[in-house]
């Protein structure tokens, strides 16, 4: 569901169910409201996947050469942890912008729709 800020005067959620939320968003914002933040979310997913996969493969190949051993459980664990950490660091700004775009409501210009 979309980000829904709670105010001090109202602690009750505007959206009760997925169907009711979809209906309300369609009525208030149109079909585009259901896809708000989608492009930024895709950029986040693609960036994370590319960085994680390429880093993991590079590190495991390097560890095989360095330690002259085939891919062991320890090697996978260490390389996977490093790859996931790097992917998170690189893609986190896209997550922040996606969340802000969704929470912001209205975009100031076309560039913000990304």
PDB file of N, CA and C in Angstrom:
ATOM      1  N   UNK A   1       0.833  -1.186   0.000  1.00  0.00           N
ATOM      2  CA  UNK A   1       0.000   0.000   0.000  1.00  0.00           C
ATOM      3  C   UNK A   1       0.869   1.237   0.000  1.00  0.00           C
ATOM      4  N   UNK A   2       0.282   2.321  -0.380  1.00  0.00           N
ATOM      5  CA  UNK A   2       1.034   3.561  -0.431  1.00  0.00           C
ATOM      6  C   UNK A   2       1.297   4.080   0.969  1.00  0.00           C
ATOM      7  N   UNK A   3       2.280   4.947   1.063  1.00  0.00           N
ATOM      8  CA  UNK A   3       2.617   5.559   2.337  1.00  0.00           C
ATOM      9  C   UNK A   3       1.439   6.414   2.773  1.00  0.00           C
ATOM     10  N   UNK A   4       1.025   6.240   4.015  1.00  0.00           N
ATOM     11  CA  UNK A   4      -0.098   7.001   4.535  1.00  0.00           C
ATOM     12  C   UNK A   4       0.298   7.617   5.863  1.00  0.00           C
ATOM     13  N   UNK A   5       0.637   8.903   5.867  1.00  0.00           N
ATOM     14  CA  UNK A   5       1.027   9.528   7.128  1.00  0.00           C
ATOM     15  C   UNK A   5      -0.172   9.651   8.067  1.00  0.00           C
ATOM     16  N   UNK A   6       0.071   9.371   9.328  1.00  0.00           N
ATOM     17  CA  UNK A   6      -0.970   9.532  10.335  1.00  0.00           C
ATOM     18  C   UNK A   6      -0.816  10.895  10.979  1.00  0.00           C
ATOM     19  N   UNK A   7      -1.909  11.587  11.164  1.00  0.00           N
ATOM     20  CA  UNK A   7      -1.868  12.890  11.818  1.00  0.00           C
ATOM     21  C   UNK A   7      -2.191  12.716  13.293  1.00  0.00           C
ATOM     22  N   UNK A   8      -1.921  13.734  14.067  1.00  0.00           N
ATOM     23  CA  UNK A   8      -2.220  13.668  15.498  1.00  0.00           C
ATOM     24  C   UNK A   8      -3.719  13.554  15.752  1.00  0.00           C
ATOM     25  N   UNK A   9      -4.505  14.185  14.892  1.00  0.00           N
ATOM     26  CA  UNK A   9      -5.950  14.176  15.095  1.00  0.00           C
ATOM     27  C   UNK A   9      -6.591  12.853  14.672  1.00  0.00           C
ATOM     28  N   UNK A  10      -5.954  12.136  13.768  1.00  0.00           N
ATOM     29  CA  UNK A  10      -6.539  10.887  13.289  1.00  0.00           C
ATOM     30  C   UNK A  10      -5.494   9.780  13.260  1.00  0.00           C
ATOM     31  N   UNK A  11      -5.657   8.819  14.125  1.00  0.00           N
ATOM     32  CA  UNK A  11      -4.750   7.667  14.162  1.00  0.00           C
ATOM     33  C   UNK A  11      -5.347   6.472  13.420  1.00  0.00           C
ATOM     34  N   UNK A  12      -6.487   6.681  12.770  1.00  0.00           N
ATOM     35  CA  UNK A  12      -7.157   5.604  12.053  1.00  0.00           C
ATOM     36  C   UNK A  12      -6.692   5.616  10.602  1.00  0.00           C
ATOM     37  N   UNK A  13      -6.360   4.459  10.094  1.00  0.00           N
ATOM     38  CA  UNK A  13      -5.865   4.347   8.732  1.00  0.00           C
ATOM     39  C   UNK A  13      -6.972   4.618   7.719  1.00  0.00           C
ATOM     40  N   UNK A  14      -6.603   5.277   6.646  1.00  0.00           N
ATOM     41  CA  UNK A  14      -7.530   5.580   5.560  1.00  0.00           C
ATOM     42  C   UNK A  14      -7.877   4.312   4.783  1.00  0.00           C
ATOM     43  N   UNK A  15      -6.932   3.388   4.725  1.00  0.00           N
ATOM     44  CA  UNK A  15      -7.103   2.165   3.958  1.00  0.00           C
ATOM     45  C   UNK A  15      -7.312   0.985   4.897  1.00  0.00           C
ATOM     46  N   UNK A  16      -8.376   0.223   4.643  1.00  0.00           N
ATOM     47  CA  UNK A  16      -8.698  -0.935   5.494  1.00  0.00           C
ATOM     48  C   UNK A  16      -8.285  -2.255   4.842  1.00  0.00           C
ATOM     49  N   UNK A  17      -8.591  -2.408   3.567  1.00  0.00           N
ATOM     50  CA  UNK A  17      -8.269  -3.633   2.841  1.00  0.00           C
ATOM     51  C   UNK A  17      -7.587  -3.264   1.531  1.00  0.00           C
ATOM     52  N   UNK A  18      -6.998  -4.249   0.891  1.00  0.00           N
ATOM     53  CA  UNK A  18      -6.330  -4.019  -0.390  1.00  0.00           C
ATOM     54  C   UNK A  18      -7.329  -3.561  -1.454  1.00  0.00           C
ATOM     55  N   UNK A  19      -8.484  -4.180  -1.495  1.00  0.00           N
ATOM     56  CA  UNK A  19      -9.503  -3.808  -2.473  1.00  0.00           C
ATOM     57  C   UNK A  19     -10.011  -2.387  -2.235  1.00  0.00           C
ATOM     58  N   UNK A  20     -10.281  -2.052  -0.980  1.00  0.00           N
ATOM     59  CA  UNK A  20     -10.760  -0.713  -0.636  1.00  0.00           C
ATOM     60  C   UNK A  20      -9.681   0.329  -0.916  1.00  0.00           C
ATOM     61  N   UNK A  21      -8.426  -0.007  -0.622  1.00  0.00           N
ATOM     62  CA  UNK A  21      -7.318   0.919  -0.879  1.00  0.00           C
ATOM     63  C   UNK A  21      -7.168   1.171  -2.375  1.00  0.00           C
ATOM     64  N   UNK A  22      -7.225   0.110  -3.170  1.00  0.00           N
ATOM     65  CA  UNK A  22      -7.113   0.258  -4.625  1.00  0.00           C
ATOM     66  C   UNK A  22      -8.242   1.112  -5.173  1.00  0.00           C
ATOM     67  N   UNK A  23      -9.442   0.867  -4.697  1.00  0.00           N
ATOM     68  CA  UNK A  23     -10.603   1.640  -5.136  1.00  0.00           C
ATOM     69  C   UNK A  23     -10.461   3.120  -4.775  1.00  0.00           C
ATOM     70  N   UNK A  24     -10.028   3.396  -3.553  1.00  0.00           N
ATOM     71  CA  UNK A  24      -9.854   4.779  -3.101  1.00  0.00           C
ATOM     72  C   UNK A  24      -8.769   5.490  -3.900  1.00  0.00           C
ATOM     73  N   UNK A  25      -7.661   4.819  -4.123  1.00  0.00           N
ATOM     74  CA  UNK A  25      -6.562   5.415  -4.888  1.00  0.00           C
ATOM     75  C   UNK A  25      -7.012   5.705  -6.317  1.00  0.00           C
ATOM     76  N   UNK A  26      -7.738   4.769  -6.926  1.00  0.00           N
ATOM     77  CA  UNK A  26      -8.251   4.990  -8.282  1.00  0.00           C
ATOM     78  C   UNK A  26      -9.182   6.193  -8.341  1.00  0.00           C
ATOM     79  N   UNK A  27     -10.060   6.326  -7.361  1.00  0.00           N
ATOM     80  CA  UNK A  27     -11.007   7.442  -7.333  1.00  0.00           C
ATOM     81  C   UNK A  27     -10.296   8.776  -7.114  1.00  0.00           C
ATOM     82  N   UNK A  28      -9.340   8.804  -6.185  1.00  0.00           N
ATOM     83  CA  UNK A  28      -8.694  10.061  -5.805  1.00  0.00           C
ATOM     84  C   UNK A  28      -7.562  10.475  -6.734  1.00  0.00           C
ATOM     85  N   UNK A  29      -6.818   9.497  -7.266  1.00  0.00           N
ATOM     86  CA  UNK A  29      -5.610   9.822  -8.026  1.00  0.00           C
ATOM     87  C   UNK A  29      -5.608   9.299  -9.449  1.00  0.00           C
ATOM     88  N   UNK A  30      -6.558   8.456  -9.777  1.00  0.00           N
ATOM     89  CA  UNK A  30      -6.594   7.862 -11.105  1.00  0.00           C
ATOM     90  C   UNK A  30      -5.661   6.663 -11.195  1.00  0.00           C
ATOM     91  N   UNK A  31      -5.588   6.099 -12.385  1.00  0.00           N
ATOM     92  CA  UNK A  31      -4.782   4.889 -12.602  1.00  0.00           C
ATOM     93  C   UNK A  31      -3.299   5.135 -12.321  1.00  0.00           C
ATOM     94  N   UNK A  32      -2.821   6.350 -12.562  1.00  0.00           N
ATOM     95  CA  UNK A  32      -1.408   6.666 -12.316  1.00  0.00           C
ATOM     96  C   UNK A  32      -1.048   6.561 -10.837  1.00  0.00           C
ATOM     97  N   UNK A  33      -2.026   6.750  -9.966  1.00  0.00           N
ATOM     98  CA  UNK A  33      -1.775   6.652  -8.530  1.00  0.00           C
ATOM     99  C   UNK A  33      -1.343   5.265  -8.101  1.00  0.00           C
ATOM    100  N   UNK A  34      -1.797   4.244  -8.837  1.00  0.00           N
ATOM    101  CA  UNK A  34      -1.412   2.869  -8.510  1.00  0.00           C
ATOM    102  C   UNK A  34       0.039   2.579  -8.876  1.00  0.00           C
ATOM    103  N   UNK A  35       0.609   3.389  -9.740  1.00  0.00           N
ATOM    104  CA  UNK A  35       1.968   3.157 -10.228  1.00  0.00           C
ATOM    105  C   UNK A  35       2.962   4.194  -9.731  1.00  0.00           C
ATOM    106  N   UNK A  36       2.564   5.024  -8.788  1.00  0.00           N
ATOM    107  CA  UNK A  36       3.462   6.063  -8.279  1.00  0.00           C
ATOM    108  C   UNK A  36       4.707   5.419  -7.662  1.00  0.00           C
ATOM    109  N   UNK A  37       5.865   5.887  -8.062  1.00  0.00           N
ATOM    110  CA  UNK A  37       7.123   5.368  -7.534  1.00  0.00           C
ATOM    111  C   UNK A  37       7.612   4.108  -8.217  1.00  0.00           C
ATOM    112  N   UNK A  38       6.866   3.626  -9.219  1.00  0.00           N
ATOM    113  CA  UNK A  38       7.226   2.372  -9.880  1.00  0.00           C
ATOM    114  C   UNK A  38       8.571   2.456 -10.606  1.00  0.00           C
ATOM    115  N   UNK A  39       8.795   3.535 -11.349  1.00  0.00           N
ATOM    116  CA  UNK A  39      10.059   3.663 -12.094  1.00  0.00           C
ATOM    117  C   UNK A  39      11.260   3.688 -11.157  1.00  0.00           C
ATOM    118  N   UNK A  40      11.137   4.417 -10.067  1.00  0.00           N
ATOM    119  CA  UNK A  40      12.233   4.451  -9.092  1.00  0.00           C
ATOM    120  C   UNK A  40      12.426   3.086  -8.450  1.00  0.00           C
ATOM    121  N   UNK A  41      11.332   2.381  -8.223  1.00  0.00           N
ATOM    122  CA  UNK A  41      11.419   1.033  -7.660  1.00  0.00           C
ATOM    123  C   UNK A  41      12.119   0.071  -8.603  1.00  0.00           C
ATOM    124  N   UNK A  42      11.836   0.190  -9.896  1.00  0.00           N
ATOM    125  CA  UNK A  42      12.507  -0.650 -10.884  1.00  0.00           C
ATOM    126  C   UNK A  42      13.995  -0.336 -10.950  1.00  0.00           C
ATOM    127  N   UNK A  43      14.331   0.947 -10.904  1.00  0.00           N
ATOM    128  CA  UNK A  43      15.738   1.354 -10.901  1.00  0.00           C
ATOM    129  C   UNK A  43      16.450   0.778  -9.677  1.00  0.00           C
ATOM    130  N   UNK A  44      15.775   0.800  -8.546  1.00  0.00           N
ATOM    131  CA  UNK A  44      16.318   0.222  -7.315  1.00  0.00           C
ATOM    132  C   UNK A  44      16.580  -1.269  -7.493  1.00  0.00           C
ATOM    133  N   UNK A  45      15.598  -2.002  -7.988  1.00  0.00           N
ATOM    134  CA  UNK A  45      15.726  -3.453  -8.148  1.00  0.00           C
ATOM    135  C   UNK A  45      16.814  -3.833  -9.144  1.00  0.00           C
ATOM    136  N   UNK A  46      16.846  -3.133 -10.254  1.00  0.00           N
ATOM    137  CA  UNK A  46      17.848  -3.434 -11.283  1.00  0.00           C
ATOM    138  C   UNK A  46      19.252  -3.140 -10.766  1.00  0.00           C
ATOM    139  N   UNK A  47      19.425  -1.992 -10.137  1.00  0.00           N
ATOM    140  CA  UNK A  47      20.738  -1.620  -9.596  1.00  0.00           C
ATOM    141  C   UNK A  47      21.198  -2.629  -8.558  1.00  0.00           C
ATOM    142  N   UNK A  48      20.304  -2.983  -7.637  1.00  0.00           N
ATOM    143  CA  UNK A  48      20.665  -3.935  -6.588  1.00  0.00           C
ATOM    144  C   UNK A  48      21.083  -5.270  -7.200  1.00  0.00           C
ATOM    145  N   UNK A  49      20.281  -5.780  -8.126  1.00  0.00           N
ATOM    146  CA  UNK A  49      20.578  -7.071  -8.740  1.00  0.00           C
ATOM    147  C   UNK A  49      21.885  -7.086  -9.507  1.00  0.00           C
ATOM    148  N   UNK A  50      22.120  -6.052 -10.290  1.00  0.00           N
ATOM    149  CA  UNK A  50      23.348  -5.978 -11.088  1.00  0.00           C
ATOM    150  C   UNK A  50      24.573  -5.904 -10.187  1.00  0.00           C
ATOM    151  N   UNK A  51      24.524  -5.040  -9.184  1.00  0.00           N
ATOM    152  CA  UNK A  51      25.677  -4.880  -8.288  1.00  0.00           C
ATOM    153  C   UNK A  51      25.910  -6.156  -7.485  1.00  0.00           C
ATOM    154  N   UNK A  52      24.846  -6.737  -6.936  1.00  0.00           N
ATOM    155  CA  UNK A  52      25.009  -7.938  -6.118  1.00  0.00           C
ATOM    156  C   UNK A  52      25.547  -9.107  -6.943  1.00  0.00           C
ATOM    157  N   UNK A  53      24.950  -9.370  -8.086  1.00  0.00           N
ATOM    158  CA  UNK A  53      25.369 -10.504  -8.902  1.00  0.00           C
ATOM    159  C   UNK A  53      26.803 -10.348  -9.392  1.00  0.00           C
ATOM    160  N   UNK A  54      27.110  -9.183  -9.947  1.00  0.00           N
ATOM    161  CA  UNK A  54      28.458  -8.993 -10.491  1.00  0.00           C
ATOM    162  C   UNK A  54      29.517  -9.002  -9.392  1.00  0.00           C
ATOM    163  N   UNK A  55      29.199  -8.413  -8.247  1.00  0.00           N
ATOM    164  CA  UNK A  55      30.155  -8.415  -7.132  1.00  0.00           C
ATOM    165  C   UNK A  55      30.367  -9.825  -6.603  1.00  0.00           C
ATOM    166  N   UNK A  56      29.290 -10.581  -6.441  1.00  0.00           N
ATOM    167  CA  UNK A  56      29.403 -11.953  -5.940  1.00  0.00           C
ATOM    168  C   UNK A  56      30.251 -12.804  -6.878  1.00  0.00           C
ATOM    169  N   UNK A  57      29.971 -12.728  -8.167  1.00  0.00           N
ATOM    170  CA  UNK A  57      30.731 -13.530  -9.127  1.00  0.00           C
ATOM    171  C   UNK A  57      32.202 -13.125  -9.165  1.00  0.00           C
ATOM    172  N   UNK A  58      32.470 -11.832  -9.110  1.00  0.00           N
ATOM    173  CA  UNK A  58      33.852 -11.343  -9.124  1.00  0.00           C
ATOM    174  C   UNK A  58      34.598 -11.797  -7.874  1.00  0.00           C
ATOM    175  N   UNK A  59      33.954 -11.653  -6.714  1.00  0.00           N
ATOM    176  CA  UNK A  59      34.606 -12.037  -5.456  1.00  0.00           C
ATOM    177  C   UNK A  59      34.828 -13.540  -5.352  1.00  0.00           C
ATOM    178  N   UNK A  60      33.866 -14.350  -5.807  1.00  0.00           N
ATOM    179  CA  UNK A  60      34.062 -15.803  -5.727  1.00  0.00           C
ATOM    180  C   UNK A  60      35.166 -16.257  -6.681  1.00  0.00           C
ATOM    181  N   UNK A  61      35.240 -15.655  -7.863  1.00  0.00           N
ATOM    182  CA  UNK A  61      36.325 -15.996  -8.798  1.00  0.00           C
ATOM    183  C   UNK A  61      37.676 -15.603  -8.206  1.00  0.00           C
ATOM    184  N   UNK A  62      37.726 -14.436  -7.578  1.00  0.00           N
ATOM    185  CA  UNK A  62      38.964 -13.973  -6.950  1.00  0.00           C
ATOM    186  C   UNK A  62      39.358 -14.882  -5.782  1.00  0.00           C
ATOM    187  N   UNK A  63      38.384 -15.293  -4.973  1.00  0.00           N
ATOM    188  CA  UNK A  63      38.702 -16.148  -3.821  1.00  0.00           C
ATOM    189  C   UNK A  63      39.175 -17.528  -4.267  1.00  0.00           C
ATOM    190  N   UNK A  64      38.650 -18.028  -5.389  1.00  0.00           N
ATOM    191  CA  UNK A  64      39.121 -19.310  -5.920  1.00  0.00           C
ATOM    192  C   UNK A  64      40.589 -19.227  -6.313  1.00  0.00           C
ATOM    193  N   UNK A  65      40.971 -18.130  -6.962  1.00  0.00           N
ATOM    194  CA  UNK A  65      42.368 -17.949  -7.359  1.00  0.00           C
ATOM    195  C   UNK A  65      43.264 -17.729  -6.149  1.00  0.00           C
ATOM    196  N   UNK A  66      42.781 -16.933  -5.205  1.00  0.00           N
ATOM    197  CA  UNK A  66      43.577 -16.575  -4.039  1.00  0.00           C
ATOM    198  C   UNK A  66      43.824 -17.769  -3.126  1.00  0.00           C
ATOM    199  N   UNK A  67      42.787 -18.567  -2.893  1.00  0.00           N
ATOM    200  CA  UNK A  67      42.893 -19.681  -1.943  1.00  0.00           C
ATOM    201  C   UNK A  67      42.995 -21.036  -2.619  1.00  0.00           C
ATOM    202  N   UNK A  68      43.038 -21.073  -3.924  1.00  0.00           N
ATOM    203  CA  UNK A  68      43.153 -22.313  -4.702  1.00  0.00           C
ATOM    204  C   UNK A  68      42.145 -23.368  -4.252  1.00  0.00           C
ATOM    205  N   UNK A  69      40.935 -22.942  -4.038  1.00  0.00           N
ATOM    206  CA  UNK A  69      39.896 -23.895  -3.633  1.00  0.00           C
ATOM    207  C   UNK A  69      38.632 -23.630  -4.432  1.00  0.00           C
ATOM    208  N   UNK A  70      37.870 -24.709  -4.599  1.00  0.00           N
ATOM    209  CA  UNK A  70      36.587 -24.565  -5.277  1.00  0.00           C
ATOM    210  C   UNK A  70      35.608 -23.881  -4.333  1.00  0.00           C
ATOM    211  N   UNK A  71      34.563 -23.342  -4.851  1.00  0.00           N
ATOM    212  CA  UNK A  71      33.598 -22.557  -4.071  1.00  0.00           C
ATOM    213  C   UNK A  71      33.094 -23.325  -2.848  1.00  0.00           C
ATOM    214  N   UNK A  72      33.561 -22.910  -1.695  1.00  0.00           N
ATOM    215  CA  UNK A  72      33.152 -23.546  -0.444  1.00  0.00           C
ATOM    216  C   UNK A  72      32.008 -22.764   0.189  1.00  0.00           C
ATOM    217  N   UNK A  73      31.415 -23.353   1.216  1.00  0.00           N
ATOM    218  CA  UNK A  73      30.325 -22.697   1.933  1.00  0.00           C
ATOM    219  C   UNK A  73      30.804 -21.392   2.560  1.00  0.00           C
ATOM    220  N   UNK A  74      31.982 -21.412   3.173  1.00  0.00           N
ATOM    221  CA  UNK A  74      32.531 -20.197   3.781  1.00  0.00           C
ATOM    222  C   UNK A  74      32.767 -19.107   2.738  1.00  0.00           C
ATOM    223  N   UNK A  75      33.295 -19.505   1.595  1.00  0.00           N
ATOM    224  CA  UNK A  75      33.548 -18.550   0.520  1.00  0.00           C
ATOM    225  C   UNK A  75      32.234 -17.932   0.033  1.00  0.00           C
ATOM    226  N   UNK A  76      31.226 -18.765  -0.153  1.00  0.00           N
ATOM    227  CA  UNK A  76      29.915 -18.261  -0.587  1.00  0.00           C
ATOM    228  C   UNK A  76      29.328 -17.303   0.440  1.00  0.00           C
ATOM    229  N   UNK A  77      29.452 -17.653   1.700  1.00  0.00           N
ATOM    230  CA  UNK A  77      28.891 -16.817   2.762  1.00  0.00           C
ATOM    231  C   UNK A  77      29.572 -15.447   2.796  1.00  0.00           C
ATOM    232  N   UNK A  78      30.888 -15.437   2.779  1.00  0.00           N
ATOM    233  CA  UNK A  78      31.636 -14.178   2.851  1.00  0.00           C
ATOM    234  C   UNK A  78      31.413 -13.335   1.591  1.00  0.00           C
ATOM    235  N   UNK A  79      31.494 -13.957   0.428  1.00  0.00           N
ATOM    236  CA  UNK A  79      31.297 -13.219  -0.828  1.00  0.00           C
ATOM    237  C   UNK A  79      29.857 -12.723  -0.952  1.00  0.00           C
ATOM    238  N   UNK A  80      28.897 -13.525  -0.524  1.00  0.00           N
ATOM    239  CA  UNK A  80      27.493 -13.113  -0.560  1.00  0.00           C
ATOM    240  C   UNK A  80      27.208 -11.961   0.377  1.00  0.00           C
ATOM    241  N   UNK A  81      27.808 -12.009   1.559  1.00  0.00           N
ATOM    242  CA  UNK A  81      27.639 -10.918   2.519  1.00  0.00           C
ATOM    243  C   UNK A  81      28.226  -9.620   1.973  1.00  0.00           C
ATOM    244  N   UNK A  82      29.416  -9.705   1.422  1.00  0.00           N
ATOM    245  CA  UNK A  82      30.060  -8.512   0.859  1.00  0.00           C
ATOM    246  C   UNK A  82      29.264  -7.970  -0.331  1.00  0.00           C
ATOM    247  N   UNK A  83      28.795  -8.864  -1.188  1.00  0.00           N
ATOM    248  CA  UNK A  83      28.026  -8.438  -2.364  1.00  0.00           C
ATOM    249  C   UNK A  83      26.703  -7.795  -1.954  1.00  0.00           C
ATOM    250  N   UNK A  84      26.013  -8.382  -0.996  1.00  0.00           N
ATOM    251  CA  UNK A  84      24.754  -7.820  -0.517  1.00  0.00           C
ATOM    252  C   UNK A  84      24.936  -6.474   0.153  1.00  0.00           C
ATOM    253  N   UNK A  85      26.007  -6.354   0.923  1.00  0.00           N
ATOM    254  CA  UNK A  85      26.294  -5.083   1.592  1.00  0.00           C
ATOM    255  C   UNK A  85      26.587  -3.986   0.572  1.00  0.00           C
ATOM    256  N   UNK A  86      27.429  -4.285  -0.399  1.00  0.00           N
ATOM    257  CA  UNK A  86      27.758  -3.293  -1.427  1.00  0.00           C
ATOM    258  C   UNK A  86      26.521  -2.919  -2.250  1.00  0.00           C
ATOM    259  N   UNK A  87      25.715  -3.914  -2.605  1.00  0.00           N
ATOM    260  CA  UNK A  87      24.501  -3.643  -3.386  1.00  0.00           C
ATOM    261  C   UNK A  87      23.532  -2.755  -2.613  1.00  0.00           C
ATOM    262  N   UNK A  88      23.420  -2.986  -1.314  1.00  0.00           N
ATOM    263  CA  UNK A  88      22.547  -2.156  -0.482  1.00  0.00           C
ATOM    264  C   UNK A  88      23.058  -0.727  -0.421  1.00  0.00           C
ATOM    265  N   UNK A  89      24.355  -0.561  -0.225  1.00  0.00           N
ATOM    266  CA  UNK A  89      24.947   0.780  -0.150  1.00  0.00           C
ATOM    267  C   UNK A  89      24.744   1.538  -1.463  1.00  0.00           C
ATOM    268  N   UNK A  90      24.954   0.861  -2.581  1.00  0.00           N
ATOM    269  CA  UNK A  90      24.838   1.514  -3.889  1.00  0.00           C
ATOM    270  C   UNK A  90      23.382   1.843  -4.228  1.00  0.00           C
ATOM    271  N   UNK A  91      22.454   0.953  -3.898  1.00  0.00           N
ATOM    272  CA  UNK A  91      21.060   1.150  -4.313  1.00  0.00           C
ATOM    273  C   UNK A  91      20.196   1.881  -3.293  1.00  0.00           C
ATOM    274  N   UNK A  92      20.679   2.085  -2.090  1.00  0.00           N
ATOM    275  CA  UNK A  92      19.870   2.721  -1.048  1.00  0.00           C
ATOM    276  C   UNK A  92      19.359   4.111  -1.423  1.00  0.00           C
ATOM    277  N   UNK A  93      20.155   4.961  -2.074  1.00  0.00           N
ATOM    278  CA  UNK A  93      19.615   6.274  -2.473  1.00  0.00           C
ATOM    279  C   UNK A  93      18.375   6.164  -3.365  1.00  0.00           C
ATOM    280  N   UNK A  94      18.300   5.134  -4.205  1.00  0.00           N
ATOM    281  CA  UNK A  94      17.116   4.942  -5.043  1.00  0.00           C
ATOM    282  C   UNK A  94      15.902   4.570  -4.194  1.00  0.00           C
ATOM    283  N   UNK A  95      16.122   3.827  -3.126  1.00  0.00           N
ATOM    284  CA  UNK A  95      15.026   3.475  -2.223  1.00  0.00           C
ATOM    285  C   UNK A  95      14.504   4.717  -1.506  1.00  0.00           C
ATOM    286  N   UNK A  96      15.411   5.568  -1.083  1.00  0.00           N
ATOM    287  CA  UNK A  96      15.011   6.806  -0.401  1.00  0.00           C
ATOM    288  C   UNK A  96      14.202   7.694  -1.343  1.00  0.00           C
ATOM    289  N   UNK A  97      14.682   7.875  -2.570  1.00  0.00           N
ATOM    290  CA  UNK A  97      13.951   8.732  -3.512  1.00  0.00           C
ATOM    291  C   UNK A  97      12.603   8.122  -3.873  1.00  0.00           C
ATOM    292  N   UNK A  98      12.545   6.806  -4.045  1.00  0.00           N
ATOM    293  CA  UNK A  98      11.269   6.157  -4.355  1.00  0.00           C
ATOM    294  C   UNK A  98      10.266   6.384  -3.235  1.00  0.00           C
ATOM    295  N   UNK A  99      10.693   6.200  -2.001  1.00  0.00           N
ATOM    296  CA  UNK A  99       9.806   6.392  -0.856  1.00  0.00           C
ATOM    297  C   UNK A  99       9.347   7.836  -0.761  1.00  0.00           C
ATOM    298  N   UNK A 100      10.248   8.765  -0.996  1.00  0.00           N
ATOM    299  CA  UNK A 100       9.864  10.185  -0.941  1.00  0.00           C
ATOM    300  C   UNK A 100       8.898  10.560  -2.055  1.00  0.00           C
ATOM    301  N   UNK A 101       9.111  10.032  -3.252  1.00  0.00           N
ATOM    302  CA  UNK A 101       8.184  10.314  -4.349  1.00  0.00           C
ATOM    303  C   UNK A 101       6.789   9.806  -4.023  1.00  0.00           C
ATOM    304  N   UNK A 102       6.709   8.616  -3.471  1.00  0.00           N
ATOM    305  CA  UNK A 102       5.412   8.037  -3.125  1.00  0.00           C
ATOM    306  C   UNK A 102       4.745   8.852  -2.030  1.00  0.00           C
ATOM    307  N   UNK A 103       5.498   9.240  -1.016  1.00  0.00           N
ATOM    308  CA  UNK A 103       4.939   9.981   0.117  1.00  0.00           C
ATOM    309  C   UNK A 103       4.603  11.420  -0.244  1.00  0.00           C
ATOM    310  N   UNK A 104       5.297  11.971  -1.213  1.00  0.00           N
ATOM    311  CA  UNK A 104       5.146  13.375  -1.582  1.00  0.00           C
ATOM    312  C   UNK A 104       3.771  13.678  -2.159  1.00  0.00           C
ATOM    313  N   UNK A 105       3.184  12.749  -2.854  1.00  0.00           N
ATOM    314  CA  UNK A 105       1.865  12.992  -3.433  1.00  0.00           C
ATOM    315  C   UNK A 105       1.943  13.565  -4.819  1.00  0.00           C
ATOM    316  N   UNK A 106       2.126  14.839  -4.938  1.00  0.00           N
ATOM    317  CA  UNK A 106       2.178  15.501  -6.241  1.00  0.00           C
ATOM    318  C   UNK A 106       3.616  15.813  -6.607  1.00  0.00           C
ATOM    319  N   UNK A 107       3.944  15.585  -7.873  1.00  0.00           N
ATOM    320  CA  UNK A 107       5.279  15.863  -8.358  1.00  0.00           C
ATOM    321  C   UNK A 107       5.354  17.309  -8.823  1.00  0.00           C
ATOM    322  N   UNK A 108       6.496  17.934  -8.635  1.00  0.00           N
ATOM    323  CA  UNK A 108       6.657  19.328  -9.055  1.00  0.00           C
ATOM    324  C   UNK A 108       6.884  19.459 -10.550  1.00  0.00           C
ATOM    325  N   UNK A 109       7.519  18.468 -11.155  1.00  0.00           N
ATOM    326  CA  UNK A 109       7.742  18.508 -12.599  1.00  0.00           C
ATOM    327  C   UNK A 109       7.932  17.084 -13.104  1.00  0.00           C
ATOM    328  N   UNK A 110       8.060  16.939 -14.408  1.00  0.00           N
ATOM    329  CA  UNK A 110       8.159  15.616 -15.020  1.00  0.00           C
ATOM    330  C   UNK A 110       9.392  14.852 -14.560  1.00  0.00           C
ATOM    331  N   UNK A 111      10.475  15.542 -14.238  1.00  0.00           N
ATOM    332  CA  UNK A 111      11.711  14.872 -13.821  1.00  0.00           C
ATOM    333  C   UNK A 111      11.507  14.075 -12.535  1.00  0.00           C
ATOM    334  N   UNK A 112      10.582  14.509 -11.683  1.00  0.00           N
ATOM    335  CA  UNK A 112      10.342  13.834 -10.418  1.00  0.00           C
ATOM    336  C   UNK A 112       9.526  12.559 -10.576  1.00  0.00           C
ATOM    337  N   UNK A 113       8.953  12.332 -11.743  1.00  0.00           N
ATOM    338  CA  UNK A 113       8.134  11.148 -11.956  1.00  0.00           C
ATOM    339  C   UNK A 113       8.964   9.897 -12.149  1.00  0.00           C
ATOM    340  N   UNK A 114      10.264  10.044 -12.305  1.00  0.00           N
ATOM    341  CA  UNK A 114      11.140   8.897 -12.486  1.00  0.00           C
ATOM    342  C   UNK A 114      11.073   8.009 -11.351  1.00  0.00           C
TER     343      UNK A 114
END
